[in-house]
Amino acid sequence: MLNKKEGGRRVRRYFYTTFLREPIARFISEYRHVNRGATWIASRHICNGRAPTSDELPLCFDPHLGWDDVSLDEFLHCPFNLAFNRQTRMLADLTLVNCYARNGMDPKTRNRILLESAKSNLRNMAFFGIKERMDDSQVMFERLFNLR
């Protein structure tokens, strides 16, 4: 897209960055978002070139009805709720645990592999900040990238 806009190819260096959030606050925020009607039903969750089957990633709600006004108890007790450990899963290499397939690996081993992968990916990022320490994170970002 940039090449098209600039009218030619150009070698670019990409720097991966992210912000982490305190997990419980992030989970509650996602619950509130879902409670207001968000479902991520259009998300494809592509991993290793394919979307998960409905057996690999069952829904917590009827897709025709949505999950509006879901109770916190319902949200907490759906075993397939992707809000659990979302930051770890989003940062990890899911192919290490056969994507969304839940067979063949016990949950403790699966979670350990995902956590180690996420930590490794964080170490390889140019920068990551902490949402609850936004001012400090901004100062660090500006210093790292010589923006001040």
N, C-alpha and C. Protein backbone atom coordinates (compact mmCIF):
# COMPACT_ATOMS: atom_id res chain seq x y z
N MET A 1 0.82 -1.18 0.00
CA MET A 1 0.00 0.00 0.00
C MET A 1 0.87 1.26 0.00
N LEU A 2 1.89 1.27 0.85
CA LEU A 2 2.79 2.43 0.84
C LEU A 2 3.54 2.53 -0.48
N ASN A 3 3.97 1.39 -1.02
CA ASN A 3 4.65 1.42 -2.32
C ASN A 3 3.76 2.04 -3.38
N LYS A 4 2.49 1.67 -3.39
CA LYS A 4 1.56 2.22 -4.36
C LYS A 4 1.38 3.72 -4.14
N LYS A 5 1.24 4.11 -2.91
CA LYS A 5 1.05 5.53 -2.60
C LYS A 5 2.27 6.36 -2.97
N GLU A 6 3.46 5.78 -2.72
CA GLU A 6 4.70 6.51 -2.99
C GLU A 6 5.19 6.31 -4.42
N GLY A 7 4.56 5.44 -5.18
CA GLY A 7 4.91 5.26 -6.58
C GLY A 7 6.17 4.45 -6.82
N GLY A 8 6.51 3.53 -5.94
CA GLY A 8 7.67 2.67 -6.16
C GLY A 8 7.96 1.82 -4.94
N ARG A 9 8.81 0.81 -5.17
CA ARG A 9 9.20 -0.08 -4.07
C ARG A 9 10.26 0.58 -3.22
N ARG A 10 10.20 0.31 -1.95
CA ARG A 10 11.18 0.86 -1.02
C ARG A 10 11.42 -0.15 0.10
N VAL A 11 12.66 -0.35 0.47
CA VAL A 11 12.97 -1.25 1.58
C VAL A 11 12.51 -0.57 2.87
N ARG A 12 11.79 -1.30 3.67
CA ARG A 12 11.28 -0.74 4.92
C ARG A 12 11.69 -1.62 6.09
N ARG A 13 11.83 -0.99 7.22
CA ARG A 13 12.07 -1.71 8.48
C ARG A 13 10.81 -1.58 9.31
N TYR A 14 10.32 -2.70 9.77
CA TYR A 14 9.12 -2.70 10.59
C TYR A 14 9.50 -2.96 12.04
N PHE A 15 8.84 -2.26 12.93
CA PHE A 15 9.06 -2.43 14.35
C PHE A 15 7.73 -2.84 14.98
N TYR A 16 7.72 -4.00 15.59
CA TYR A 16 6.50 -4.48 16.22
C TYR A 16 6.43 -3.96 17.65
N THR A 17 5.26 -3.43 18.00
CA THR A 17 5.03 -2.91 19.34
C THR A 17 3.65 -3.36 19.80
N THR A 18 3.44 -3.32 21.10
CA THR A 18 2.11 -3.63 21.65
C THR A 18 1.99 -3.00 23.02
N PHE A 19 0.80 -2.97 23.51
CA PHE A 19 0.53 -2.56 24.88
C PHE A 19 -0.17 -3.70 25.59
N LEU A 20 0.26 -3.97 26.81
CA LEU A 20 -0.37 -4.99 27.64
C LEU A 20 -1.28 -4.30 28.64
N ARG A 21 -2.25 -5.04 29.11
CA ARG A 21 -3.19 -4.49 30.08
C ARG A 21 -3.33 -5.47 31.23
N GLU A 22 -3.58 -4.96 32.41
CA GLU A 22 -3.78 -5.81 33.58
C GLU A 22 -4.89 -6.80 33.21
N PRO A 23 -4.64 -8.11 33.35
CA PRO A 23 -5.55 -9.12 32.80
C PRO A 23 -6.98 -9.08 33.32
N ILE A 24 -7.17 -8.84 34.60
CA ILE A 24 -8.53 -8.84 35.13
C ILE A 24 -9.30 -7.62 34.61
N ALA A 25 -8.65 -6.46 34.60
CA ALA A 25 -9.30 -5.25 34.07
C ALA A 25 -9.64 -5.44 32.59
N ARG A 26 -8.75 -6.09 31.83
CA ARG A 26 -9.00 -6.33 30.42
C ARG A 26 -10.17 -7.29 30.24
N PHE A 27 -10.23 -8.33 31.07
CA PHE A 27 -11.32 -9.31 31.00
C PHE A 27 -12.67 -8.64 31.30
N ILE A 28 -12.71 -7.83 32.34
CA ILE A 28 -13.96 -7.15 32.70
C ILE A 28 -14.37 -6.17 31.61
N SER A 29 -13.39 -5.50 31.02
CA SER A 29 -13.68 -4.59 29.91
C SER A 29 -14.28 -5.36 28.74
N GLU A 30 -13.73 -6.53 28.45
CA GLU A 30 -14.28 -7.34 27.35
C GLU A 30 -15.69 -7.81 27.70
N TYR A 31 -15.90 -8.21 28.95
CA TYR A 31 -17.25 -8.61 29.38
C TYR A 31 -18.24 -7.47 29.13
N ARG A 32 -17.88 -6.27 29.53
CA ARG A 32 -18.77 -5.12 29.33
C ARG A 32 -19.03 -4.86 27.85
N HIS A 33 -17.99 -5.05 27.04
CA HIS A 33 -18.13 -4.86 25.59
C HIS A 33 -19.11 -5.88 25.01
N VAL A 34 -18.97 -7.12 25.42
CA VAL A 34 -19.86 -8.19 24.96
C VAL A 34 -21.28 -7.94 25.47
N ASN A 35 -21.38 -7.52 26.72
CA ASN A 35 -22.68 -7.25 27.33
C ASN A 35 -23.45 -6.18 26.56
N ARG A 36 -22.71 -5.28 25.90
CA ARG A 36 -23.33 -4.23 25.09
C ARG A 36 -23.63 -4.70 23.66
N GLY A 37 -23.29 -5.94 23.33
CA GLY A 37 -23.67 -6.48 22.03
C GLY A 37 -22.55 -6.95 21.13
N ALA A 38 -21.30 -6.77 21.50
CA ALA A 38 -20.19 -7.23 20.66
C ALA A 38 -20.11 -8.76 20.69
N THR A 39 -19.80 -9.37 19.56
CA THR A 39 -19.70 -10.83 19.53
C THR A 39 -18.43 -11.34 18.84
N TRP A 40 -17.81 -10.58 18.01
CA TRP A 40 -16.68 -11.03 17.19
C TRP A 40 -17.10 -12.18 16.28
N ILE A 41 -18.38 -12.27 15.97
CA ILE A 41 -18.88 -13.36 15.13
C ILE A 41 -18.21 -13.36 13.76
N ALA A 42 -17.80 -12.21 13.28
CA ALA A 42 -17.16 -12.13 11.96
C ALA A 42 -15.68 -12.47 12.01
N SER A 43 -15.10 -12.61 13.20
CA SER A 43 -13.68 -12.95 13.31
C SER A 43 -13.46 -14.36 12.79
N ARG A 44 -12.41 -14.52 12.02
CA ARG A 44 -12.18 -15.82 11.37
C ARG A 44 -11.20 -16.69 12.15
N HIS A 45 -10.38 -16.13 13.01
CA HIS A 45 -9.43 -16.89 13.83
C HIS A 45 -8.55 -17.81 12.99
N ILE A 46 -8.05 -17.30 11.88
CA ILE A 46 -7.21 -18.10 10.99
C ILE A 46 -5.92 -18.47 11.71
N CYS A 47 -5.58 -19.73 11.65
CA CYS A 47 -4.34 -20.23 12.24
C CYS A 47 -3.81 -21.33 11.34
N ASN A 48 -2.57 -21.22 10.96
CA ASN A 48 -1.94 -22.21 10.08
C ASN A 48 -2.73 -22.37 8.78
N GLY A 49 -3.27 -21.26 8.28
CA GLY A 49 -3.94 -21.24 6.99
C GLY A 49 -5.39 -21.64 6.98
N ARG A 50 -5.98 -21.89 8.15
CA ARG A 50 -7.39 -22.29 8.15
C ARG A 50 -8.11 -21.78 9.40
N ALA A 51 -9.42 -21.67 9.27
CA ALA A 51 -10.26 -21.29 10.41
C ALA A 51 -10.53 -22.54 11.25
N PRO A 52 -10.78 -22.38 12.53
CA PRO A 52 -11.10 -23.54 13.36
C PRO A 52 -12.48 -24.10 13.02
N THR A 53 -12.65 -25.37 13.25
CA THR A 53 -13.97 -25.98 13.07
C THR A 53 -14.86 -25.57 14.25
N SER A 54 -16.16 -25.82 14.12
CA SER A 54 -17.07 -25.50 15.22
C SER A 54 -16.82 -26.41 16.42
N ASP A 55 -16.24 -27.59 16.19
CA ASP A 55 -15.86 -28.45 17.32
C ASP A 55 -14.63 -27.91 18.04
N GLU A 56 -13.70 -27.33 17.29
CA GLU A 56 -12.49 -26.79 17.89
C GLU A 56 -12.76 -25.49 18.64
N LEU A 57 -13.70 -24.70 18.13
CA LEU A 57 -13.99 -23.41 18.74
C LEU A 57 -15.51 -23.19 18.78
N PRO A 58 -16.17 -23.89 19.71
CA PRO A 58 -17.62 -23.72 19.83
C PRO A 58 -17.97 -22.30 20.30
N LEU A 59 -19.14 -21.84 19.95
CA LEU A 59 -19.61 -20.53 20.39
C LEU A 59 -20.22 -20.64 21.79
N CYS A 60 -20.15 -19.54 22.51
CA CYS A 60 -20.76 -19.47 23.84
C CYS A 60 -22.20 -18.96 23.77
N PHE A 61 -22.68 -18.67 22.58
CA PHE A 61 -23.99 -18.05 22.42
C PHE A 61 -24.60 -18.46 21.10
N ASP A 62 -25.89 -18.28 20.97
CA ASP A 62 -26.60 -18.53 19.72
C ASP A 62 -26.27 -17.37 18.77
N PRO A 63 -25.65 -17.64 17.62
CA PRO A 63 -25.25 -16.55 16.73
C PRO A 63 -26.42 -15.72 16.21
N HIS A 64 -27.63 -16.27 16.22
CA HIS A 64 -28.80 -15.52 15.76
C HIS A 64 -29.31 -14.56 16.84
N LEU A 65 -29.02 -14.87 18.09
CA LEU A 65 -29.49 -14.04 19.20
C LEU A 65 -28.42 -13.10 19.74
N GLY A 66 -27.16 -13.46 19.53
CA GLY A 66 -26.06 -12.67 20.09
C GLY A 66 -25.87 -12.96 21.57
N TRP A 67 -25.11 -12.10 22.21
CA TRP A 67 -24.79 -12.31 23.62
C TRP A 67 -25.07 -11.04 24.42
N ASP A 68 -25.94 -10.18 23.88
CA ASP A 68 -26.31 -8.95 24.58
C ASP A 68 -26.84 -9.29 25.97
N ASP A 69 -26.54 -8.45 26.91
CA ASP A 69 -27.02 -8.60 28.29
C ASP A 69 -26.61 -9.92 28.94
N VAL A 70 -25.52 -10.52 28.47
CA VAL A 70 -25.02 -11.74 29.10
C VAL A 70 -24.66 -11.42 30.55
N SER A 71 -24.96 -12.34 31.44
CA SER A 71 -24.59 -12.13 32.84
C SER A 71 -23.10 -12.43 33.00
N LEU A 72 -22.50 -11.86 34.02
CA LEU A 72 -21.09 -12.14 34.30
C LEU A 72 -20.91 -13.62 34.57
N ASP A 73 -21.86 -14.23 35.25
CA ASP A 73 -21.78 -15.66 35.55
C ASP A 73 -21.75 -16.49 34.26
N GLU A 74 -22.62 -16.18 33.30
CA GLU A 74 -22.61 -16.88 32.01
C GLU A 74 -21.29 -16.67 31.29
N PHE A 75 -20.82 -15.44 31.30
CA PHE A 75 -19.57 -15.09 30.61
C PHE A 75 -18.39 -15.86 31.21
N LEU A 76 -18.38 -15.96 32.54
CA LEU A 76 -17.30 -16.66 33.24
C LEU A 76 -17.34 -18.17 33.04
N HIS A 77 -18.52 -18.71 32.84
CA HIS A 77 -18.65 -20.17 32.83
C HIS A 77 -18.72 -20.81 31.46
N CYS A 78 -18.52 -20.05 30.41
CA CYS A 78 -18.42 -20.66 29.09
C CYS A 78 -16.99 -21.15 28.91
N PRO A 79 -16.77 -22.45 28.80
CA PRO A 79 -15.40 -22.97 28.71
C PRO A 79 -14.69 -22.60 27.41
N PHE A 80 -15.42 -22.09 26.43
CA PHE A 80 -14.82 -21.75 25.13
C PHE A 80 -14.64 -20.25 24.97
N ASN A 81 -14.83 -19.50 26.03
CA ASN A 81 -14.77 -18.04 25.99
C ASN A 81 -13.35 -17.59 25.69
N LEU A 82 -13.15 -16.95 24.55
CA LEU A 82 -11.81 -16.51 24.15
C LEU A 82 -11.30 -15.32 24.95
N ALA A 83 -12.14 -14.76 25.82
CA ALA A 83 -11.67 -13.67 26.68
C ALA A 83 -10.64 -14.19 27.68
N PHE A 84 -10.75 -15.46 28.06
CA PHE A 84 -9.77 -16.03 28.98
C PHE A 84 -8.41 -16.07 28.31
N ASN A 85 -7.43 -15.51 28.96
CA ASN A 85 -6.04 -15.56 28.48
C ASN A 85 -5.87 -14.94 27.09
N ARG A 86 -6.71 -13.99 26.74
CA ARG A 86 -6.67 -13.42 25.38
C ARG A 86 -5.31 -12.81 25.05
N GLN A 87 -4.73 -12.06 25.97
CA GLN A 87 -3.46 -11.40 25.65
C GLN A 87 -2.38 -12.44 25.35
N THR A 88 -2.34 -13.49 26.14
CA THR A 88 -1.35 -14.55 25.90
C THR A 88 -1.58 -15.18 24.54
N ARG A 89 -2.83 -15.54 24.26
CA ARG A 89 -3.14 -16.20 22.98
C ARG A 89 -2.84 -15.29 21.80
N MET A 90 -3.13 -14.00 21.91
CA MET A 90 -2.89 -13.08 20.80
C MET A 90 -1.40 -12.86 20.54
N LEU A 91 -0.58 -13.04 21.56
CA LEU A 91 0.87 -12.85 21.40
C LEU A 91 1.61 -14.14 21.07
N ALA A 92 0.98 -15.27 21.30
CA ALA A 92 1.66 -16.56 21.14
C ALA A 92 1.55 -17.08 19.71
N ASP A 93 2.41 -18.03 19.40
CA ASP A 93 2.36 -18.76 18.13
C ASP A 93 1.43 -19.96 18.35
N LEU A 94 0.20 -19.86 17.91
CA LEU A 94 -0.79 -20.91 18.14
C LEU A 94 -0.45 -22.21 17.42
N THR A 95 0.38 -22.15 16.40
CA THR A 95 0.72 -23.39 15.69
C THR A 95 1.50 -24.34 16.60
N LEU A 96 2.12 -23.82 17.65
CA LEU A 96 2.86 -24.67 18.59
C LEU A 96 1.95 -25.62 19.36
N VAL A 97 0.66 -25.27 19.43
CA VAL A 97 -0.30 -26.10 20.16
C VAL A 97 -1.43 -26.58 19.23
N ASN A 98 -1.12 -26.68 17.94
CA ASN A 98 -2.08 -27.13 16.94
C ASN A 98 -3.30 -26.21 16.87
N CYS A 99 -3.02 -24.92 16.92
CA CYS A 99 -4.05 -23.89 16.76
C CYS A 99 -5.16 -24.03 17.80
N TYR A 100 -6.39 -24.21 17.36
CA TYR A 100 -7.53 -24.26 18.29
C TYR A 100 -7.95 -25.68 18.64
N ALA A 101 -7.26 -26.68 18.11
CA ALA A 101 -7.58 -28.07 18.45
C ALA A 101 -7.29 -28.28 19.94
N ARG A 102 -8.21 -28.91 20.63
CA ARG A 102 -8.03 -29.12 22.06
C ARG A 102 -7.68 -30.55 22.41
N ASN A 103 -7.63 -31.41 21.42
CA ASN A 103 -7.30 -32.80 21.70
C ASN A 103 -5.80 -33.03 21.58
N GLY A 104 -5.31 -34.03 22.26
CA GLY A 104 -3.91 -34.40 22.14
C GLY A 104 -2.96 -33.66 23.07
N MET A 105 -3.45 -32.68 23.84
CA MET A 105 -2.56 -31.95 24.74
C MET A 105 -3.38 -31.51 25.96
N ASP A 106 -2.84 -31.80 27.15
CA ASP A 106 -3.58 -31.39 28.34
C ASP A 106 -3.52 -29.87 28.50
N PRO A 107 -4.54 -29.27 29.10
CA PRO A 107 -4.61 -27.81 29.20
C PRO A 107 -3.40 -27.16 29.89
N LYS A 108 -2.86 -27.82 30.89
CA LYS A 108 -1.71 -27.25 31.61
C LYS A 108 -0.50 -27.13 30.68
N THR A 109 -0.23 -28.17 29.92
CA THR A 109 0.89 -28.14 28.97
C THR A 109 0.62 -27.11 27.88
N ARG A 110 -0.58 -27.10 27.35
CA ARG A 110 -0.97 -26.14 26.31
C ARG A 110 -0.76 -24.70 26.80
N ASN A 111 -1.25 -24.39 28.00
CA ASN A 111 -1.12 -23.04 28.55
C ASN A 111 0.33 -22.66 28.79
N ARG A 112 1.15 -23.62 29.24
CA ARG A 112 2.57 -23.34 29.47
C ARG A 112 3.26 -23.00 28.15
N ILE A 113 2.98 -23.77 27.11
CA ILE A 113 3.59 -23.53 25.80
C ILE A 113 3.16 -22.16 25.26
N LEU A 114 1.88 -21.84 25.39
CA LEU A 114 1.39 -20.54 24.91
C LEU A 114 2.04 -19.40 25.68
N LEU A 115 2.16 -19.53 26.99
CA LEU A 115 2.78 -18.47 27.79
C LEU A 115 4.24 -18.28 27.40
N GLU A 116 4.98 -19.36 27.25
CA GLU A 116 6.40 -19.23 26.87
C GLU A 116 6.53 -18.60 25.48
N SER A 117 5.66 -18.97 24.57
CA SER A 117 5.69 -18.39 23.23
C SER A 117 5.37 -16.90 23.28
N ALA A 118 4.36 -16.52 24.05
CA ALA A 118 4.00 -15.10 24.17
C ALA A 118 5.15 -14.31 24.78
N LYS A 119 5.78 -14.85 25.81
CA LYS A 119 6.91 -14.14 26.44
C LYS A 119 8.07 -14.00 25.45
N SER A 120 8.33 -15.03 24.69
CA SER A 120 9.39 -14.96 23.68
C SER A 120 9.08 -13.89 22.64
N ASN A 121 7.85 -13.85 22.18
CA ASN A 121 7.46 -12.84 21.19
C ASN A 121 7.55 -11.43 21.76
N LEU A 122 7.20 -11.26 23.02
CA LEU A 122 7.35 -9.94 23.66
C LEU A 122 8.81 -9.52 23.70
N ARG A 123 9.68 -10.47 24.05
CA ARG A 123 11.12 -10.16 24.10
C ARG A 123 11.65 -9.74 22.73
N ASN A 124 11.04 -10.23 21.67
CA ASN A 124 11.50 -9.91 20.32
C ASN A 124 10.84 -8.67 19.72
N MET A 125 9.93 -8.07 20.44
CA MET A 125 9.30 -6.84 19.95
C MET A 125 10.22 -5.66 20.22
N ALA A 126 10.11 -4.66 19.38
CA ALA A 126 10.91 -3.45 19.58
C ALA A 126 10.49 -2.73 20.85
N PHE A 127 9.22 -2.85 21.21
CA PHE A 127 8.72 -2.14 22.39
C PHE A 127 7.40 -2.75 22.82
N PHE A 128 7.19 -2.82 24.13
CA PHE A 128 5.83 -3.04 24.63
C PHE A 128 5.64 -2.17 25.85
N GLY A 129 4.45 -1.64 25.96
CA GLY A 129 4.10 -0.76 27.06
C GLY A 129 3.03 -1.39 27.93
N ILE A 130 2.75 -0.72 29.03
CA ILE A 130 1.74 -1.18 29.97
C ILE A 130 0.63 -0.13 30.02
N LYS A 131 -0.57 -0.53 29.73
CA LYS A 131 -1.70 0.41 29.66
C LYS A 131 -1.86 1.18 30.96
N GLU A 132 -1.70 0.51 32.10
CA GLU A 132 -1.87 1.16 33.39
C GLU A 132 -0.71 2.10 33.72
N ARG A 133 0.34 2.06 32.93
CA ARG A 133 1.50 2.96 33.10
C ARG A 133 1.72 3.71 31.79
N MET A 134 0.65 4.28 31.25
CA MET A 134 0.68 4.90 29.93
C MET A 134 1.71 6.03 29.84
N ASP A 135 1.75 6.91 30.83
CA ASP A 135 2.70 8.03 30.78
C ASP A 135 4.14 7.53 30.75
N ASP A 136 4.47 6.58 31.64
CA ASP A 136 5.82 6.01 31.66
C ASP A 136 6.12 5.29 30.34
N SER A 137 5.14 4.56 29.84
CA SER A 137 5.32 3.83 28.58
C SER A 137 5.56 4.79 27.43
N GLN A 138 4.85 5.90 27.42
CA GLN A 138 5.04 6.89 26.36
C GLN A 138 6.45 7.47 26.40
N VAL A 139 6.94 7.79 27.60
CA VAL A 139 8.30 8.33 27.74
C VAL A 139 9.31 7.31 27.23
N MET A 140 9.14 6.05 27.61
CA MET A 140 10.07 5.01 27.15
C MET A 140 10.01 4.85 25.64
N PHE A 141 8.82 4.88 25.06
CA PHE A 141 8.65 4.77 23.62
C PHE A 141 9.36 5.92 22.91
N GLU A 142 9.15 7.12 23.39
CA GLU A 142 9.78 8.30 22.77
C GLU A 142 11.30 8.24 22.85
N ARG A 143 11.82 7.78 23.98
CA ARG A 143 13.28 7.66 24.12
C ARG A 143 13.82 6.57 23.20
N LEU A 144 13.15 5.44 23.18
CA LEU A 144 13.61 4.31 22.36
C LEU A 144 13.68 4.68 20.88
N PHE A 145 12.70 5.41 20.41
CA PHE A 145 12.63 5.74 18.99
C PHE A 145 13.07 7.18 18.69
N ASN A 146 13.77 7.78 19.65
CA ASN A 146 14.30 9.15 19.49
C ASN A 146 13.25 10.12 18.96
N LEU A 147 12.13 10.17 19.63
CA LEU A 147 11.03 11.03 19.19
C LEU A 147 10.95 12.33 19.98
N ARG A 148 11.84 12.52 20.91
CA ARG A 148 11.87 13.78 21.68
C ARG A 148 13.27 14.29 21.74
